[in-house]
Amino acid sequence: MTDRLACRECHSLHEASVQACPVCGSSSLSDDWAGCVIVAHPNQSDVAGAMIVTQPGHMP
């Protein structure tokens, strides 16, 4: 079992103990993900723009 879950809707990563995504509220979480992008300043990042990320955080 992984220590993080990825939200299937907004693609954010969270502790494995959550039942729903704190970002978008979805309960569709998965422990099957690979790779991670950390976005600190989404409004200044070309990568965040390409991934349609608007909030700072960890994205699989």
Protein backbone atom coordinates (compact mmCIF):
# COMPACT_ATOMS: atom_id res chain seq x y z
CA MET A 1 0.00 0.00 0.00
CA THR A 2 1.24 3.47 -0.88
CA ASP A 3 1.42 6.35 1.59
CA ARG A 4 -0.30 8.72 -0.87
CA LEU A 5 -3.46 8.60 -2.97
CA ALA A 6 -4.04 10.44 -6.25
CA CYS A 7 -7.38 12.04 -7.02
CA ARG A 8 -8.73 10.78 -10.34
CA GLU A 9 -10.58 14.07 -10.92
CA CYS A 10 -8.11 16.89 -10.11
CA HIS A 11 -4.90 14.76 -10.00
CA SER A 12 -3.70 16.06 -6.63
CA LEU A 13 -1.88 13.81 -4.13
CA HIS A 14 -3.00 13.29 -0.53
CA GLU A 15 -2.26 11.21 2.54
CA ALA A 16 -3.61 7.67 2.30
CA SER A 17 -5.90 8.26 5.29
CA VAL A 18 -8.27 10.65 3.45
CA GLN A 19 -11.65 9.39 2.25
CA ALA A 20 -12.27 12.26 -0.19
CA CYS A 21 -10.05 14.75 -2.00
CA PRO A 22 -9.70 17.93 0.06
CA VAL A 23 -9.16 19.95 -3.15
CA CYS A 24 -12.20 18.97 -5.25
CA GLY A 25 -14.24 16.74 -2.91
CA SER A 26 -14.11 13.65 -5.13
CA SER A 27 -14.08 10.25 -3.46
CA SER A 28 -12.46 8.69 -6.55
CA LEU A 29 -8.92 8.15 -5.21
CA SER A 30 -6.27 5.73 -6.43
CA ASP A 31 -3.03 4.30 -5.09
CA ASP A 32 -2.03 3.30 -8.64
CA TRP A 33 0.04 6.26 -9.89
CA ALA A 34 3.64 6.90 -10.94
CA GLY A 35 5.71 10.07 -11.06
CA CYS A 36 5.07 13.39 -9.39
CA VAL A 37 5.20 17.09 -10.30
CA ILE A 38 5.46 19.65 -7.50
CA VAL A 39 3.91 22.97 -8.48
CA ALA A 40 4.88 25.93 -6.27
CA HIS A 41 3.66 28.85 -8.41
CA PRO A 42 1.03 27.61 -10.89
CA ASN A 43 0.39 31.08 -12.33
CA GLN A 44 4.09 31.38 -13.31
CA SER A 45 4.61 27.82 -14.61
CA ASP A 46 4.39 26.61 -18.21
CA VAL A 47 4.17 23.02 -16.94
CA ALA A 48 1.26 23.92 -14.63
CA GLY A 49 -0.46 25.61 -17.57
CA ALA A 50 -0.05 22.53 -19.73
CA MET A 51 -1.40 20.30 -16.93
CA ILE A 52 -4.23 22.77 -16.16
CA VAL A 53 -3.07 23.08 -12.53
CA THR A 54 -4.35 26.15 -10.68
CA GLN A 55 -3.42 25.30 -7.07
CA PRO A 56 0.08 24.72 -5.64
CA GLY A 57 0.83 21.16 -4.54
CA HIS A 58 1.89 17.64 -5.58
CA MET A 59 0.49 16.25 -8.83
CA PRO A 60 1.05 12.70 -10.10
